[in-house]
PDB file of N, CA and C in Angstrom:
ATOM      1  N   UNK A   1     -42.629   9.426  34.874  1.00  0.00           N
ATOM      2  CA  UNK A   1     -42.778   8.322  33.950  1.00  0.00           C
ATOM      3  C   UNK A   1     -42.215   8.681  32.580  1.00  0.00           C
ATOM      4  N   UNK A   2     -42.374   9.909  32.158  1.00  0.00           N
ATOM      5  CA  UNK A   2     -41.893  10.331  30.851  1.00  0.00           C
ATOM      6  C   UNK A   2     -40.368  10.305  30.805  1.00  0.00           C
ATOM      7  N   UNK A   3     -39.740  10.558  31.966  1.00  0.00           N
ATOM      8  CA  UNK A   3     -38.285  10.557  32.005  1.00  0.00           C
ATOM      9  C   UNK A   3     -37.729   9.158  31.775  1.00  0.00           C
ATOM     10  N   UNK A   4     -38.314   8.136  32.344  1.00  0.00           N
ATOM     11  CA  UNK A   4     -37.830   6.767  32.147  1.00  0.00           C
ATOM     12  C   UNK A   4     -38.075   6.300  30.719  1.00  0.00           C
ATOM     13  N   UNK A   5     -39.158   6.747  30.100  1.00  0.00           N
ATOM     14  CA  UNK A   5     -39.418   6.378  28.708  1.00  0.00           C
ATOM     15  C   UNK A   5     -38.379   6.994  27.782  1.00  0.00           C
ATOM     16  N   UNK A   6     -37.970   8.220  28.067  1.00  0.00           N
ATOM     17  CA  UNK A   6     -36.964   8.849  27.201  1.00  0.00           C
ATOM     18  C   UNK A   6     -35.605   8.201  27.380  1.00  0.00           C
ATOM     19  N   UNK A   7     -35.301   7.716  28.587  1.00  0.00           N
ATOM     20  CA  UNK A   7     -34.035   7.019  28.806  1.00  0.00           C
ATOM     21  C   UNK A   7     -34.011   5.717  28.016  1.00  0.00           C
ATOM     22  N   UNK A   8     -35.123   4.982  28.043  1.00  0.00           N
ATOM     23  CA  UNK A   8     -35.189   3.743  27.285  1.00  0.00           C
ATOM     24  C   UNK A   8     -35.130   4.021  25.787  1.00  0.00           C
ATOM     25  N   UNK A   9     -35.739   5.099  25.363  1.00  0.00           N
ATOM     26  CA  UNK A   9     -35.725   5.439  23.944  1.00  0.00           C
ATOM     27  C   UNK A   9     -34.307   5.790  23.482  1.00  0.00           C
ATOM     28  N   UNK A  10     -33.493   6.368  24.353  1.00  0.00           N
ATOM     29  CA  UNK A  10     -32.120   6.707  23.993  1.00  0.00           C
ATOM     30  C   UNK A  10     -31.227   5.470  23.907  1.00  0.00           C
ATOM     31  N   UNK A  11     -31.569   4.425  24.601  1.00  0.00           N
ATOM     32  CA  UNK A  11     -30.772   3.208  24.589  1.00  0.00           C
ATOM     33  C   UNK A  11     -31.140   2.287  23.432  1.00  0.00           C
ATOM     34  N   UNK A  12     -32.297   2.467  22.836  1.00  0.00           N
ATOM     35  CA  UNK A  12     -32.730   1.618  21.733  1.00  0.00           C
ATOM     36  C   UNK A  12     -31.948   1.957  20.474  1.00  0.00           C
ATOM     37  N   UNK A  13     -31.634   0.953  19.653  1.00  0.00           N
ATOM     38  CA  UNK A  13     -30.954   1.237  18.397  1.00  0.00           C
ATOM     39  C   UNK A  13     -31.857   1.996  17.440  1.00  0.00           C
ATOM     40  N   UNK A  14     -31.249   2.801  16.587  1.00  0.00           N
ATOM     41  CA  UNK A  14     -32.026   3.607  15.654  1.00  0.00           C
ATOM     42  C   UNK A  14     -32.695   2.713  14.612  1.00  0.00           C
ATOM     43  N   UNK A  15     -31.946   1.779  14.074  1.00  0.00           N
ATOM     44  CA  UNK A  15     -32.491   0.848  13.092  1.00  0.00           C
ATOM     45  C   UNK A  15     -32.669  -0.508  13.765  1.00  0.00           C
ATOM     46  N   UNK A  16     -33.880  -0.996  13.748  1.00  0.00           N
ATOM     47  CA  UNK A  16     -34.143  -2.278  14.372  1.00  0.00           C
ATOM     48  C   UNK A  16     -34.357  -3.334  13.316  1.00  0.00           C
ATOM     49  N   UNK A  17     -33.941  -4.531  13.638  1.00  0.00           N
ATOM     50  CA  UNK A  17     -34.101  -5.666  12.755  1.00  0.00           C
ATOM     51  C   UNK A  17     -35.489  -6.244  12.977  1.00  0.00           C
ATOM     52  N   UNK A  18     -36.377  -6.041  12.021  1.00  0.00           N
ATOM     53  CA  UNK A  18     -37.757  -6.503  12.172  1.00  0.00           C
ATOM     54  C   UNK A  18     -37.901  -7.977  11.848  1.00  0.00           C
ATOM     55  N   UNK A  19     -36.937  -8.560  11.160  1.00  0.00           N
ATOM     56  CA  UNK A  19     -37.046  -9.954  10.762  1.00  0.00           C
ATOM     57  C   UNK A  19     -36.808 -10.901  11.922  1.00  0.00           C
ATOM     58  N   UNK A  20     -36.075 -10.487  12.894  1.00  0.00           N
ATOM     59  CA  UNK A  20     -35.740 -11.353  13.999  1.00  0.00           C
ATOM     60  C   UNK A  20     -34.573 -12.275  13.677  1.00  0.00           C
ATOM     61  N   UNK A  21     -34.024 -12.165  12.470  1.00  0.00           N
ATOM     62  CA  UNK A  21     -32.889 -12.996  12.067  1.00  0.00           C
ATOM     63  C   UNK A  21     -31.596 -12.405  12.616  1.00  0.00           C
ATOM     64  N   UNK A  22     -30.645 -13.276  12.818  1.00  0.00           N
ATOM     65  CA  UNK A  22     -29.319 -12.811  13.205  1.00  0.00           C
ATOM     66  C   UNK A  22     -28.626 -12.252  11.970  1.00  0.00           C
ATOM     67  N   UNK A  23     -27.813 -11.259  12.175  1.00  0.00           N
ATOM     68  CA  UNK A  23     -27.083 -10.681  11.051  1.00  0.00           C
ATOM     69  C   UNK A  23     -26.041 -11.682  10.560  1.00  0.00           C
ATOM     70  N   UNK A  24     -25.954 -11.817   9.250  1.00  0.00           N
ATOM     71  CA  UNK A  24     -24.981 -12.704   8.648  1.00  0.00           C
ATOM     72  C   UNK A  24     -23.643 -11.969   8.524  1.00  0.00           C
ATOM     73  N   UNK A  25     -22.549 -12.642   8.822  1.00  0.00           N
ATOM     74  CA  UNK A  25     -21.251 -11.980   8.663  1.00  0.00           C
ATOM     75  C   UNK A  25     -20.954 -11.729   7.184  1.00  0.00           C
ATOM     76  N   UNK A  26     -20.325 -10.617   6.944  1.00  0.00           N
ATOM     77  CA  UNK A  26     -19.966 -10.255   5.577  1.00  0.00           C
ATOM     78  C   UNK A  26     -18.735 -11.065   5.168  1.00  0.00           C
ATOM     79  N   UNK A  27     -18.786 -11.749   4.031  1.00  0.00           N
ATOM     80  CA  UNK A  27     -17.609 -12.526   3.611  1.00  0.00           C
ATOM     81  C   UNK A  27     -16.481 -11.603   3.165  1.00  0.00           C
ATOM     82  N   UNK A  28     -15.275 -12.110   3.282  1.00  0.00           N
ATOM     83  CA  UNK A  28     -14.122 -11.327   2.838  1.00  0.00           C
ATOM     84  C   UNK A  28     -14.117 -11.220   1.322  1.00  0.00           C
ATOM     85  N   UNK A  29     -13.752 -10.062   0.795  1.00  0.00           N
ATOM     86  CA  UNK A  29     -13.625  -9.929  -0.662  1.00  0.00           C
ATOM     87  C   UNK A  29     -12.309 -10.570  -1.109  1.00  0.00           C
ATOM     88  N   UNK A  30     -12.345 -11.839  -1.401  1.00  0.00           N
ATOM     89  CA  UNK A  30     -11.123 -12.606  -1.647  1.00  0.00           C
ATOM     90  C   UNK A  30     -10.381 -12.162  -2.898  1.00  0.00           C
ATOM     91  N   UNK A  31     -11.080 -11.899  -3.971  1.00  0.00           N
ATOM     92  CA  UNK A  31     -10.394 -11.499  -5.202  1.00  0.00           C
ATOM     93  C   UNK A  31      -9.688 -10.144  -5.054  1.00  0.00           C
ATOM     94  N   UNK A  32     -10.339  -9.119  -4.509  1.00  0.00           N
ATOM     95  CA  UNK A  32      -9.600  -7.859  -4.318  1.00  0.00           C
ATOM     96  C   UNK A  32      -8.431  -7.992  -3.344  1.00  0.00           C
ATOM     97  N   UNK A  33      -8.599  -8.783  -2.302  1.00  0.00           N
ATOM     98  CA  UNK A  33      -7.494  -8.972  -1.367  1.00  0.00           C
ATOM     99  C   UNK A  33      -6.338  -9.718  -2.030  1.00  0.00           C
ATOM    100  N   UNK A  34      -6.639 -10.700  -2.860  1.00  0.00           N
ATOM    101  CA  UNK A  34      -5.592 -11.416  -3.580  1.00  0.00           C
ATOM    102  C   UNK A  34      -4.871 -10.484  -4.552  1.00  0.00           C
ATOM    103  N   UNK A  35      -5.619  -9.592  -5.189  1.00  0.00           N
ATOM    104  CA  UNK A  35      -5.004  -8.640  -6.119  1.00  0.00           C
ATOM    105  C   UNK A  35      -4.026  -7.718  -5.391  1.00  0.00           C
ATOM    106  N   UNK A  36      -4.435  -7.229  -4.237  1.00  0.00           N
ATOM    107  CA  UNK A  36      -3.556  -6.353  -3.451  1.00  0.00           C
ATOM    108  C   UNK A  36      -2.329  -7.131  -2.986  1.00  0.00           C
ATOM    109  N   UNK A  37      -2.520  -8.369  -2.562  1.00  0.00           N
ATOM    110  CA  UNK A  37      -1.398  -9.201  -2.128  1.00  0.00           C
ATOM    111  C   UNK A  37      -0.426  -9.438  -3.271  1.00  0.00           C
ATOM    112  N   UNK A  38      -0.948  -9.703  -4.446  1.00  0.00           N
ATOM    113  CA  UNK A  38      -0.096  -9.943  -5.603  1.00  0.00           C
ATOM    114  C   UNK A  38       0.721  -8.699  -5.964  1.00  0.00           C
ATOM    115  N   UNK A  39       0.085  -7.545  -5.916  1.00  0.00           N
ATOM    116  CA  UNK A  39       0.791  -6.289  -6.210  1.00  0.00           C
ATOM    117  C   UNK A  39       1.864  -6.017  -5.161  1.00  0.00           C
ATOM    118  N   UNK A  40       1.526  -6.254  -3.888  1.00  0.00           N
ATOM    119  CA  UNK A  40       2.495  -6.032  -2.811  1.00  0.00           C
ATOM    120  C   UNK A  40       3.685  -6.980  -2.930  1.00  0.00           C
ATOM    121  N   UNK A  41       3.455  -8.172  -3.459  1.00  0.00           N
ATOM    122  CA  UNK A  41       4.543  -9.126  -3.642  1.00  0.00           C
ATOM    123  C   UNK A  41       5.383  -8.776  -4.864  1.00  0.00           C
ATOM    124  N   UNK A  42       4.757  -8.319  -5.927  1.00  0.00           N
ATOM    125  CA  UNK A  42       5.461  -8.056  -7.175  1.00  0.00           C
ATOM    126  C   UNK A  42       6.243  -6.746  -7.152  1.00  0.00           C
ATOM    127  N   UNK A  43       5.843  -5.801  -6.351  1.00  0.00           N
ATOM    128  CA  UNK A  43       6.486  -4.485  -6.351  1.00  0.00           C
ATOM    129  C   UNK A  43       7.969  -4.547  -5.987  1.00  0.00           C
ATOM    130  N   UNK A  44       8.386  -5.276  -4.955  1.00  0.00           N
ATOM    131  CA  UNK A  44       9.828  -5.348  -4.681  1.00  0.00           C
ATOM    132  C   UNK A  44      10.615  -6.019  -5.797  1.00  0.00           C
ATOM    133  N   UNK A  45       9.989  -6.956  -6.478  1.00  0.00           N
ATOM    134  CA  UNK A  45      10.680  -7.616  -7.593  1.00  0.00           C
ATOM    135  C   UNK A  45      10.930  -6.634  -8.733  1.00  0.00           C
ATOM    136  N   UNK A  46       9.949  -5.818  -9.033  1.00  0.00           N
ATOM    137  CA  UNK A  46      10.124  -4.860 -10.122  1.00  0.00           C
ATOM    138  C   UNK A  46      11.082  -3.742  -9.737  1.00  0.00           C
ATOM    139  N   UNK A  47      11.198  -3.459  -8.451  1.00  0.00           N
ATOM    140  CA  UNK A  47      12.119  -2.408  -8.018  1.00  0.00           C
ATOM    141  C   UNK A  47      13.570  -2.826  -8.169  1.00  0.00           C
ATOM    142  N   UNK A  48      13.837  -4.128  -8.192  1.00  0.00           N
ATOM    143  CA  UNK A  48      15.219  -4.590  -8.294  1.00  0.00           C
ATOM    144  C   UNK A  48      15.679  -4.790  -9.734  1.00  0.00           C
ATOM    145  N   UNK A  49      14.832  -4.574 -10.699  1.00  0.00           N
ATOM    146  CA  UNK A  49      15.202  -4.764 -12.103  1.00  0.00           C
ATOM    147  C   UNK A  49      16.283  -3.766 -12.520  1.00  0.00           C
ATOM    148  N   UNK A  50      16.342  -2.621 -11.909  1.00  0.00           N
ATOM    149  CA  UNK A  50      17.278  -1.572 -12.302  1.00  0.00           C
ATOM    150  C   UNK A  50      18.722  -1.898 -11.907  1.00  0.00           C
ATOM    151  N   UNK A  51      18.932  -2.759 -10.928  1.00  0.00           N
ATOM    152  CA  UNK A  51      20.279  -2.990 -10.403  1.00  0.00           C
ATOM    153  C   UNK A  51      21.316  -3.433 -11.440  1.00  0.00           C
ATOM    154  N   UNK A  52      21.034  -4.364 -12.342  1.00  0.00           N
ATOM    155  CA  UNK A  52      22.088  -4.756 -13.291  1.00  0.00           C
ATOM    156  C   UNK A  52      22.454  -3.672 -14.301  1.00  0.00           C
ATOM    157  N   UNK A  53      21.590  -2.699 -14.509  1.00  0.00           N
ATOM    158  CA  UNK A  53      21.803  -1.726 -15.580  1.00  0.00           C
ATOM    159  C   UNK A  53      22.203  -0.335 -15.106  1.00  0.00           C
ATOM    160  N   UNK A  54      22.109  -0.066 -13.825  1.00  0.00           N
ATOM    161  CA  UNK A  54      22.279   1.309 -13.344  1.00  0.00           C
ATOM    162  C   UNK A  54      23.715   1.805 -13.493  1.00  0.00           C
ATOM    163  N   UNK A  55      24.704   0.932 -13.288  1.00  0.00           N
ATOM    164  CA  UNK A  55      26.102   1.384 -13.426  1.00  0.00           C
ATOM    165  C   UNK A  55      26.414   1.787 -14.859  1.00  0.00           C
ATOM    166  N   UNK A  56      25.956   1.009 -15.807  1.00  0.00           N
ATOM    167  CA  UNK A  56      26.179   1.359 -17.213  1.00  0.00           C
ATOM    168  C   UNK A  56      25.453   2.647 -17.569  1.00  0.00           C
ATOM    169  N   UNK A  57      24.258   2.819 -17.048  1.00  0.00           N
ATOM    170  CA  UNK A  57      23.503   4.045 -17.301  1.00  0.00           C
ATOM    171  C   UNK A  57      24.251   5.268 -16.778  1.00  0.00           C
ATOM    172  N   UNK A  58      24.796   5.171 -15.587  1.00  0.00           N
ATOM    173  CA  UNK A  58      25.528   6.297 -14.994  1.00  0.00           C
ATOM    174  C   UNK A  58      26.770   6.609 -15.815  1.00  0.00           C
ATOM    175  N   UNK A  59      27.487   5.576 -16.254  1.00  0.00           N
ATOM    176  CA  UNK A  59      28.689   5.814 -17.073  1.00  0.00           C
ATOM    177  C   UNK A  59      28.355   6.461 -18.408  1.00  0.00           C
ATOM    178  N   UNK A  60      27.293   5.965 -19.065  1.00  0.00           N
ATOM    179  CA  UNK A  60      26.955   6.464 -20.400  1.00  0.00           C
ATOM    180  C   UNK A  60      26.361   7.866 -20.383  1.00  0.00           C
ATOM    181  N   UNK A  61      25.740   8.270 -19.310  1.00  0.00           N
ATOM    182  CA  UNK A  61      25.184   9.629 -19.264  1.00  0.00           C
ATOM    183  C   UNK A  61      26.268  10.668 -19.041  1.00  0.00           C
ATOM    184  N   UNK A  62      27.393  10.256 -18.476  1.00  0.00           N
ATOM    185  CA  UNK A  62      28.504  11.188 -18.294  1.00  0.00           C
ATOM    186  C   UNK A  62      28.381  12.078 -17.080  1.00  0.00           C
ATOM    187  N   UNK A  63      27.518  11.754 -16.147  1.00  0.00           N
ATOM    188  CA  UNK A  63      27.367  12.624 -14.975  1.00  0.00           C
ATOM    189  C   UNK A  63      28.549  12.529 -14.020  1.00  0.00           C
ATOM    190  N   UNK A  64      29.375  11.498 -14.180  1.00  0.00           N
ATOM    191  CA  UNK A  64      30.554  11.378 -13.308  1.00  0.00           C
ATOM    192  C   UNK A  64      31.749  12.135 -13.855  1.00  0.00           C
ATOM    193  N   UNK A  65      31.675  12.589 -15.078  1.00  0.00           N
ATOM    194  CA  UNK A  65      32.786  13.319 -15.676  1.00  0.00           C
ATOM    195  C   UNK A  65      33.976  12.420 -15.952  1.00  0.00           C
ATOM    196  N   UNK A  66      33.741  11.133 -16.140  1.00  0.00           N
ATOM    197  CA  UNK A  66      34.823  10.195 -16.422  1.00  0.00           C
ATOM    198  C   UNK A  66      35.454   9.587 -15.186  1.00  0.00           C
ATOM    199  N   UNK A  67      35.072  10.011 -14.012  1.00  0.00           N
ATOM    200  CA  UNK A  67      35.632   9.482 -12.771  1.00  0.00           C
ATOM    201  C   UNK A  67      34.847   8.227 -12.364  1.00  0.00           C
ATOM    202  N   UNK A  68      35.479   7.061 -12.499  1.00  0.00           N
ATOM    203  CA  UNK A  68      34.818   5.785 -12.206  1.00  0.00           C
ATOM    204  C   UNK A  68      34.499   5.628 -10.719  1.00  0.00           C
ATOM    205  N   UNK A  69      35.205   6.344  -9.861  1.00  0.00           N
ATOM    206  CA  UNK A  69      34.950   6.241  -8.418  1.00  0.00           C
ATOM    207  C   UNK A  69      33.588   6.832  -8.047  1.00  0.00           C
ATOM    208  N   UNK A  70      33.097   7.753  -8.830  1.00  0.00           N
ATOM    209  CA  UNK A  70      31.810   8.387  -8.541  1.00  0.00           C
ATOM    210  C   UNK A  70      30.620   7.587  -9.076  1.00  0.00           C
ATOM    211  N   UNK A  71      30.895   6.550  -9.866  1.00  0.00           N
ATOM    212  CA  UNK A  71      29.811   5.771 -10.465  1.00  0.00           C
ATOM    213  C   UNK A  71      28.927   5.136  -9.394  1.00  0.00           C
ATOM    214  N   UNK A  72      29.530   4.541  -8.387  1.00  0.00           N
ATOM    215  CA  UNK A  72      28.771   3.904  -7.313  1.00  0.00           C
ATOM    216  C   UNK A  72      27.932   4.902  -6.533  1.00  0.00           C
ATOM    217  N   UNK A  73      28.488   6.084  -6.308  1.00  0.00           N
ATOM    218  CA  UNK A  73      27.742   7.109  -5.577  1.00  0.00           C
ATOM    219  C   UNK A  73      26.489   7.510  -6.334  1.00  0.00           C
ATOM    220  N   UNK A  74      26.644   7.832  -7.607  1.00  0.00           N
ATOM    221  CA  UNK A  74      25.489   8.272  -8.387  1.00  0.00           C
ATOM    222  C   UNK A  74      24.504   7.133  -8.636  1.00  0.00           C
ATOM    223  N   UNK A  75      25.006   5.922  -8.811  1.00  0.00           N
ATOM    224  CA  UNK A  75      24.118   4.774  -8.985  1.00  0.00           C
ATOM    225  C   UNK A  75      23.277   4.565  -7.720  1.00  0.00           C
ATOM    226  N   UNK A  76      23.903   4.633  -6.573  1.00  0.00           N
ATOM    227  CA  UNK A  76      23.174   4.493  -5.311  1.00  0.00           C
ATOM    228  C   UNK A  76      22.178   5.618  -5.110  1.00  0.00           C
ATOM    229  N   UNK A  77      22.564   6.811  -5.505  1.00  0.00           N
ATOM    230  CA  UNK A  77      21.659   7.967  -5.381  1.00  0.00           C
ATOM    231  C   UNK A  77      20.416   7.774  -6.242  1.00  0.00           C
ATOM    232  N   UNK A  78      20.595   7.304  -7.465  1.00  0.00           N
ATOM    233  CA  UNK A  78      19.459   7.101  -8.369  1.00  0.00           C
ATOM    234  C   UNK A  78      18.553   5.988  -7.861  1.00  0.00           C
ATOM    235  N   UNK A  79      19.144   4.896  -7.359  1.00  0.00           N
ATOM    236  CA  UNK A  79      18.348   3.781  -6.861  1.00  0.00           C
ATOM    237  C   UNK A  79      17.548   4.212  -5.631  1.00  0.00           C
ATOM    238  N   UNK A  80      18.153   4.941  -4.726  1.00  0.00           N
ATOM    239  CA  UNK A  80      17.425   5.401  -3.530  1.00  0.00           C
ATOM    240  C   UNK A  80      16.368   6.437  -3.897  1.00  0.00           C
ATOM    241  N   UNK A  81      16.675   7.248  -4.877  1.00  0.00           N
ATOM    242  CA  UNK A  81      15.707   8.247  -5.309  1.00  0.00           C
ATOM    243  C   UNK A  81      14.478   7.587  -5.934  1.00  0.00           C
ATOM    244  N   UNK A  82      14.683   6.466  -6.614  1.00  0.00           N
ATOM    245  CA  UNK A  82      13.539   5.767  -7.214  1.00  0.00           C
ATOM    246  C   UNK A  82      12.646   5.161  -6.146  1.00  0.00           C
ATOM    247  N   UNK A  83      13.159   4.905  -4.946  1.00  0.00           N
ATOM    248  CA  UNK A  83      12.338   4.355  -3.869  1.00  0.00           C
ATOM    249  C   UNK A  83      11.337   5.380  -3.348  1.00  0.00           C
ATOM    250  N   UNK A  84      11.634   6.656  -3.493  1.00  0.00           N
ATOM    251  CA  UNK A  84      10.738   7.708  -3.004  1.00  0.00           C
ATOM    252  C   UNK A  84       9.616   8.021  -3.980  1.00  0.00           C
ATOM    253  N   UNK A  85       9.764   7.589  -5.221  1.00  0.00           N
ATOM    254  CA  UNK A  85       8.724   7.893  -6.218  1.00  0.00           C
ATOM    255  C   UNK A  85       7.733   6.781  -6.346  1.00  0.00           C
TER     256      UNK A  85
END
């Protein structure tokens, strides 16, 4: 008899609901979710702000040594490097 009681005791939940009420579903945190959605939407927009200015930046820093053909390479390198940060 003691063995069947211990089996039933192992199947019972540790915390029991004494009220007899059904558990209410937790509502979604709408404001925090909206904030995350807004940030996720705005991030790609802010990442593209550099595109109109990057070629001039590369030319003015002088990293190409005056070779205009290398401007696109270094501009692309800087833009891709900013994606990793």
